[in-house]
Amino acid sequence: MTGGTGFVGKAVMERALAEGLTVRALARRPQATRENVEWVQGDLDDHAALERLVAGAGAVMHIAGMVNAADRAAFEACNAHGTAALIAAMKKQGVRRLVHVSSLAAREPQLSDYGWSKAEAERHVMGSGLDWTMVRPPAIYGPHDAEFLELFQMATRGFILLPPRGRVSIIHADDLAKVLVTLARTQDHATHDQTYEVDDGRHGAWTHNTLAKAIGHAVGRKWVLPVNLPGPLVKLGGRIDRLVRGQKARLTPDRASYFCHDDWTARGALRVPEAIWKPEIETGQGLIDTARAYREKGFL
């Protein structure tokens, strides 16, 4: 697997190990020794490391990706070229099964450089000739996530700043980990050459405002004010955040562009068949558990 040291990758590794699998994972820096885990030091531009990573593997899960970059070229180098390099390594080593983690952002590549780069990565996967399955997650939350943290912190103050009104899907990292491991292990060839969009199973997904209220409930607030900002103001905030926090910015100009899109919901026609996987974590409880974990770490 790639991305094993990230938020989603850690959840996937825990799930894979719990199911008795042996994991070989790519990491840029040395990692602590762990039973049934073999670390391969390298990056997505290290062709020799990628070949060592995939050699003899029963399946490859490509989770690594860049969500925050200075420009389109940087997104392309990691998300598109990195995917192409991994595919080349798999072909050279004779490994056929690939589970590729994309993003709902790939549906609208014109909105952001990130979405464009993920769409380019999808193009590489679809043209690879491998036995591939692609999963497009929506917003991902969970106790170890940094992206949702600021929403929880605002909720404790009684308000949450939001993009213009729209609808979103979300999924808990543990549910996402389960579907990725399940797809990597399944012998059902009907999952090959398929693109799936996954979520928490909530009918109609979430409006920005209902999600804000659910986060407010999770942090113990009886009432939270959702503040929907106009698109130009969100984009201005992205430029300011980039200037102030640089590479640590949460809201960049690129991200502001796709945050303002009014429909980031998983499409029912692209759901994983229930016989293979269905979400288990009810989002209300998942948000409460996430808030509890943030408090235990001193973040709230």
Protein backbone atom coordinates (compact mmCIF):
# COMPACT_ATOMS: atom_id res chain seq x y z
CA MET A 1 0.00 0.00 0.00
CA THR A 2 0.96 3.60 -0.51
CA GLY A 3 -0.10 6.31 1.93
CA GLY A 4 0.25 4.05 4.95
CA THR A 5 1.40 6.84 7.24
CA GLY A 6 -1.53 9.15 6.46
CA PHE A 7 -4.95 9.51 8.08
CA VAL A 8 -6.76 7.06 5.79
CA GLY A 9 -3.74 4.81 5.31
CA LYS A 10 -3.37 4.23 9.04
CA ALA A 11 -7.01 3.17 9.28
CA VAL A 12 -6.56 0.84 6.31
CA MET A 13 -3.44 -0.70 7.83
CA GLU A 14 -5.24 -1.36 11.13
CA ARG A 15 -8.11 -2.99 9.26
CA ALA A 16 -5.83 -5.13 7.10
CA LEU A 17 -3.83 -6.34 10.10
CA ALA A 18 -7.02 -7.08 12.04
CA GLU A 19 -8.08 -9.31 9.14
CA GLY A 20 -4.82 -11.22 9.34
CA LEU A 21 -3.12 -9.73 6.29
CA THR A 22 0.57 -8.99 5.91
CA VAL A 23 1.18 -5.42 4.77
CA ARG A 24 4.05 -3.88 2.84
CA ALA A 25 3.85 -0.10 2.93
CA LEU A 26 5.68 2.79 1.32
CA ALA A 27 7.03 5.57 3.56
CA ARG A 28 9.31 8.52 2.95
CA ARG A 29 10.94 8.25 6.37
CA PRO A 30 11.97 5.27 8.56
CA GLN A 31 9.09 3.84 10.59
CA ALA A 32 8.89 1.87 13.82
CA THR A 33 9.05 -1.90 13.46
CA ARG A 34 5.67 -3.58 13.61
CA GLU A 35 4.59 -7.20 13.39
CA ASN A 36 3.28 -8.21 9.95
CA VAL A 37 4.29 -4.85 8.46
CA GLU A 38 7.22 -4.39 6.10
CA TRP A 39 8.19 -0.80 5.36
CA VAL A 40 9.72 0.21 2.05
CA GLN A 41 11.45 3.57 2.24
CA GLY A 42 10.83 5.76 -0.79
CA ASP A 43 8.34 7.96 -2.58
CA LEU A 44 6.10 7.84 -5.63
CA ASP A 45 8.92 9.16 -7.81
CA ASP A 46 11.30 6.40 -6.67
CA HIS A 47 10.84 3.68 -9.29
CA ALA A 48 13.10 1.15 -7.57
CA ALA A 49 11.21 1.59 -4.29
CA LEU A 50 7.87 1.14 -6.06
CA GLU A 51 9.07 -2.11 -7.61
CA ARG A 52 10.20 -3.39 -4.20
CA LEU A 53 6.85 -2.32 -2.77
CA VAL A 54 4.67 -4.28 -5.17
CA ALA A 55 6.87 -7.33 -5.83
CA GLY A 56 4.89 -10.49 -5.07
CA ALA A 57 1.85 -8.62 -3.77
CA GLY A 58 -1.61 -10.13 -4.01
CA ALA A 59 -3.12 -6.67 -4.34
CA VAL A 60 -2.00 -3.04 -4.23
CA MET A 61 -3.93 -0.26 -2.53
CA HIS A 62 -2.94 3.19 -3.78
CA ILE A 63 -3.97 5.66 -1.07
CA ALA A 64 -1.19 8.25 -1.20
CA GLY A 65 -2.11 11.60 -2.66
CA MET A 66 -1.52 15.31 -2.32
CA VAL A 67 -4.45 17.51 -1.27
CA ASN A 68 -2.54 20.74 -0.73
CA ALA A 69 0.02 21.98 -3.26
CA ALA A 70 1.41 25.25 -4.52
CA ASP A 71 0.32 24.78 -8.13
CA ARG A 72 -1.06 22.40 -10.76
CA ALA A 73 2.38 21.01 -11.57
CA ALA A 74 2.90 19.88 -7.98
CA PHE A 75 -0.51 18.19 -7.88
CA GLU A 76 0.23 16.52 -11.20
CA ALA A 77 3.64 15.26 -10.09
CA CYS A 78 2.23 13.45 -7.06
CA ASN A 79 -1.33 12.49 -7.96
CA ALA A 80 -1.06 11.81 -11.70
CA HIS A 81 2.59 10.97 -12.37
CA GLY A 82 2.85 9.08 -9.07
CA THR A 83 -0.09 6.89 -10.05
CA ALA A 84 1.42 6.24 -13.47
CA ALA A 85 4.73 5.24 -11.86
CA LEU A 86 2.99 2.81 -9.51
CA ILE A 87 1.13 1.23 -12.43
CA ALA A 88 4.40 0.84 -14.32
CA ALA A 89 5.97 -0.89 -11.30
CA MET A 90 2.99 -3.25 -11.01
CA LYS A 91 3.24 -4.19 -14.68
CA LYS A 92 6.96 -4.81 -14.41
CA GLN A 93 6.46 -7.06 -11.39
CA GLY A 94 3.44 -8.86 -12.84
CA VAL A 95 0.98 -7.68 -10.18
CA ARG A 96 -2.54 -7.18 -11.54
CA ARG A 97 -4.93 -6.18 -8.72
CA LEU A 98 -5.13 -2.45 -7.94
CA VAL A 99 -7.53 -0.65 -5.62
CA HIS A 100 -7.10 3.04 -6.32
CA VAL A 101 -8.35 5.77 -3.98
CA SER A 102 -9.54 8.75 -5.98
CA SER A 103 -11.90 11.55 -4.87
CA LEU A 104 -15.32 12.94 -5.69
CA ALA A 105 -13.35 16.00 -6.81
CA ALA A 106 -12.32 14.04 -9.91
CA ARG A 107 -15.90 14.38 -11.18
CA GLU A 108 -15.43 18.12 -11.63
CA PRO A 109 -11.83 18.57 -12.84
CA GLN A 110 -12.52 22.10 -14.07
CA LEU A 111 -13.09 23.36 -10.52
CA SER A 112 -9.63 22.83 -9.06
CA ASP A 113 -6.10 21.71 -9.81
CA TYR A 114 -6.55 18.99 -7.18
CA GLY A 115 -9.66 17.61 -8.91
CA TRP A 116 -7.94 17.83 -12.29
CA SER A 117 -4.95 15.86 -11.01
CA LYS A 118 -7.19 13.17 -9.52
CA ALA A 119 -9.07 12.90 -12.83
CA GLU A 120 -5.72 12.50 -14.60
CA ALA A 121 -4.81 9.73 -12.15
CA GLU A 122 -8.12 8.01 -12.91
CA ARG A 123 -7.31 8.21 -16.60
CA HIS A 124 -4.02 6.39 -15.98
CA VAL A 125 -5.79 3.70 -13.96
CA MET A 126 -8.54 3.13 -16.52
CA GLY A 127 -5.99 2.80 -19.30
CA SER A 128 -3.66 0.54 -17.34
CA GLY A 129 -4.97 -2.85 -18.42
CA LEU A 130 -4.80 -3.97 -14.77
CA ASP A 131 -7.63 -5.49 -12.74
CA TRP A 132 -8.50 -2.17 -11.15
CA THR A 133 -11.22 -0.83 -8.89
CA MET A 134 -11.48 2.89 -8.10
CA VAL A 135 -13.11 4.32 -5.00
CA ARG A 136 -14.09 7.99 -4.82
CA PRO A 137 -14.52 8.93 -1.16
CA PRO A 138 -16.36 12.08 -0.09
CA ALA A 139 -15.23 14.10 2.93
CA ILE A 140 -13.59 11.72 5.40
CA TYR A 141 -13.78 12.20 9.17
CA GLY A 142 -12.65 10.33 12.27
CA PRO A 143 -10.75 10.69 15.54
CA HIS A 144 -7.35 11.18 13.89
CA ASP A 145 -8.47 13.66 11.23
CA ALA A 146 -7.12 17.20 11.11
CA GLU A 147 -9.37 18.46 8.29
CA PHE A 148 -12.64 18.41 10.28
CA LEU A 149 -11.01 19.66 13.49
CA GLU A 150 -11.54 23.35 12.79
CA LEU A 151 -15.27 22.73 12.22
CA PHE A 152 -15.49 21.09 15.64
CA GLN A 153 -13.53 23.93 17.22
CA MET A 154 -15.86 26.53 15.71
CA ALA A 155 -18.88 24.53 16.87
CA THR A 156 -17.71 24.78 20.49
CA ARG A 157 -17.95 28.57 20.06
CA GLY A 158 -21.53 28.33 18.80
CA PHE A 159 -21.05 28.88 15.04
CA ILE A 160 -19.53 27.22 11.97
CA LEU A 161 -18.36 29.12 8.89
CA LEU A 162 -19.46 27.27 5.75
CA PRO A 163 -19.37 27.59 1.96
CA PRO A 164 -22.52 28.59 0.09
CA ARG A 165 -25.48 26.26 0.55
CA GLY A 166 -25.00 22.81 -0.92
CA ARG A 167 -25.05 19.10 -0.19
CA VAL A 168 -22.21 16.78 0.78
CA SER A 169 -21.60 13.14 1.55
CA ILE A 170 -19.24 12.05 4.30
CA ILE A 171 -17.76 8.78 5.52
CA HIS A 172 -15.92 7.62 8.65
CA ALA A 173 -12.31 6.59 8.04
CA ASP A 174 -12.97 3.13 9.52
CA ASP A 175 -15.85 2.50 7.10
CA LEU A 176 -13.67 3.62 4.21
CA ALA A 177 -10.87 1.36 5.42
CA LYS A 178 -13.23 -1.60 5.50
CA VAL A 179 -14.44 -1.12 1.94
CA LEU A 180 -10.89 -0.70 0.62
CA VAL A 181 -9.64 -3.87 2.31
CA THR A 182 -12.77 -5.76 1.27
CA LEU A 183 -12.29 -4.76 -2.37
CA ALA A 184 -8.62 -5.71 -2.24
CA ARG A 185 -9.51 -9.17 -0.90
CA THR A 186 -12.67 -10.00 -2.82
CA GLN A 187 -12.63 -12.73 -5.44
CA ASP A 188 -15.65 -11.16 -7.14
CA HIS A 189 -14.38 -10.14 -10.56
CA ALA A 190 -17.51 -8.03 -11.05
CA THR A 191 -15.70 -5.35 -9.01
CA HIS A 192 -12.93 -5.12 -11.60
CA ASP A 193 -12.94 -2.12 -13.95
CA GLN A 194 -15.48 -0.39 -11.72
CA THR A 195 -15.60 3.06 -10.14
CA TYR A 196 -17.47 3.32 -6.85
CA GLU A 197 -18.61 6.32 -4.81
CA VAL A 198 -18.97 5.59 -1.10
CA ASP A 199 -20.57 7.39 1.83
CA ASP A 200 -22.19 6.88 5.23
CA GLY A 201 -25.44 5.58 3.74
CA ARG A 202 -27.53 8.58 4.78
CA HIS A 203 -30.45 9.02 2.39
CA GLY A 204 -30.16 12.36 0.62
CA ALA A 205 -26.69 12.96 2.11
CA TRP A 206 -26.16 16.13 4.18
CA THR A 207 -26.79 19.78 3.58
CA HIS A 208 -23.96 21.96 4.82
CA ASN A 209 -26.27 23.26 7.54
CA THR A 210 -27.54 19.89 8.78
CA LEU A 211 -23.97 18.65 9.00
CA ALA A 212 -22.98 21.76 10.97
CA LYS A 213 -25.81 21.11 13.43
CA ALA A 214 -24.77 17.47 13.79
CA ILE A 215 -21.22 18.58 14.62
CA GLY A 216 -22.65 21.03 17.13
CA HIS A 217 -24.59 18.22 18.79
CA ALA A 218 -21.41 16.10 18.85
CA VAL A 219 -19.54 18.77 20.84
CA GLY A 220 -22.46 19.21 23.25
CA ARG A 221 -23.97 22.41 21.90
CA LYS A 222 -27.76 22.54 21.83
CA TRP A 223 -27.64 25.23 19.18
CA VAL A 224 -25.04 26.12 16.55
CA LEU A 225 -25.35 28.89 13.98
CA PRO A 226 -24.36 27.78 10.45
CA VAL A 227 -22.95 30.78 8.57
CA ASN A 228 -22.99 30.27 4.81
CA LEU A 229 -20.40 32.57 3.27
CA PRO A 230 -20.71 33.79 -0.34
CA GLY A 231 -18.34 32.14 -2.81
CA PRO A 232 -16.12 35.21 -3.41
CA LEU A 233 -15.58 35.58 0.34
CA VAL A 234 -14.63 31.90 0.70
CA LYS A 235 -12.12 32.29 -2.14
CA LEU A 236 -10.70 35.44 -0.54
CA GLY A 237 -10.35 33.47 2.69
CA GLY A 238 -8.40 30.84 0.77
CA ARG A 239 -5.91 33.41 -0.46
CA ILE A 240 -5.53 34.87 3.03
CA ASP A 241 -5.06 31.45 4.65
CA ARG A 242 -2.39 30.60 2.09
CA LEU A 243 -0.56 33.87 2.80
CA VAL A 244 -0.77 33.44 6.59
CA ARG A 245 -0.20 29.70 7.02
CA GLY A 246 1.61 28.82 3.81
CA GLN A 247 1.82 25.06 3.23
CA LYS A 248 -0.11 24.46 6.48
CA ALA A 249 -3.16 26.33 5.18
CA ARG A 250 -6.44 24.42 5.44
CA LEU A 251 -8.36 26.67 3.06
CA THR A 252 -6.30 27.38 -0.05
CA PRO A 253 -7.48 29.15 -3.22
CA ASP A 254 -7.63 25.77 -4.97
CA ARG A 255 -9.66 24.14 -2.20
CA ALA A 256 -11.98 27.13 -1.94
CA SER A 257 -12.94 26.59 -5.58
CA TYR A 258 -14.26 23.10 -5.04
CA PHE A 259 -15.64 23.74 -1.54
CA CYS A 260 -18.05 26.19 -3.17
CA HIS A 261 -19.49 23.56 -5.50
CA ASP A 262 -23.07 22.76 -4.49
CA ASP A 263 -23.08 18.98 -4.94
CA TRP A 264 -20.43 16.71 -3.47
CA THR A 265 -22.78 13.79 -2.86
CA ALA A 266 -22.03 10.17 -3.72
CA ARG A 267 -24.22 8.94 -6.56
CA GLY A 268 -26.43 5.95 -5.83
CA ALA A 269 -25.77 4.42 -9.24
CA LEU A 270 -22.08 4.04 -8.29
CA ARG A 271 -22.54 2.48 -4.86
CA VAL A 272 -20.66 -0.67 -3.91
CA PRO A 273 -23.08 -3.64 -4.04
CA GLU A 274 -24.44 -4.30 -0.53
CA ALA A 275 -23.47 -7.96 -0.83
CA ILE A 276 -19.84 -6.78 -0.83
CA TRP A 277 -19.92 -3.79 1.58
CA LYS A 278 -22.19 -1.37 3.34
CA PRO A 279 -21.36 1.34 5.90
CA GLU A 280 -21.61 0.39 9.57
CA ILE A 281 -20.90 3.62 11.45
CA GLU A 282 -23.89 5.89 12.05
CA THR A 283 -22.60 9.40 11.47
CA GLY A 284 -24.19 11.02 14.51
CA GLN A 285 -22.37 8.58 16.79
CA GLY A 286 -19.23 8.77 14.68
CA LEU A 287 -19.12 12.55 15.13
CA ILE A 288 -19.63 12.18 18.90
CA ASP A 289 -16.76 9.69 19.08
CA THR A 290 -14.59 12.02 17.03
CA ALA A 291 -15.37 14.96 19.33
CA ARG A 292 -14.50 12.81 22.35
CA ALA A 293 -11.15 11.87 20.80
CA TYR A 294 -10.38 15.54 20.04
CA ARG A 295 -11.11 16.43 23.68
CA GLU A 296 -8.89 13.64 24.98
CA LYS A 297 -6.05 15.07 22.89
CA GLY A 298 -6.70 18.59 24.17
CA PHE A 299 -7.88 19.93 20.81
CA LEU A 300 -11.31 21.03 22.07
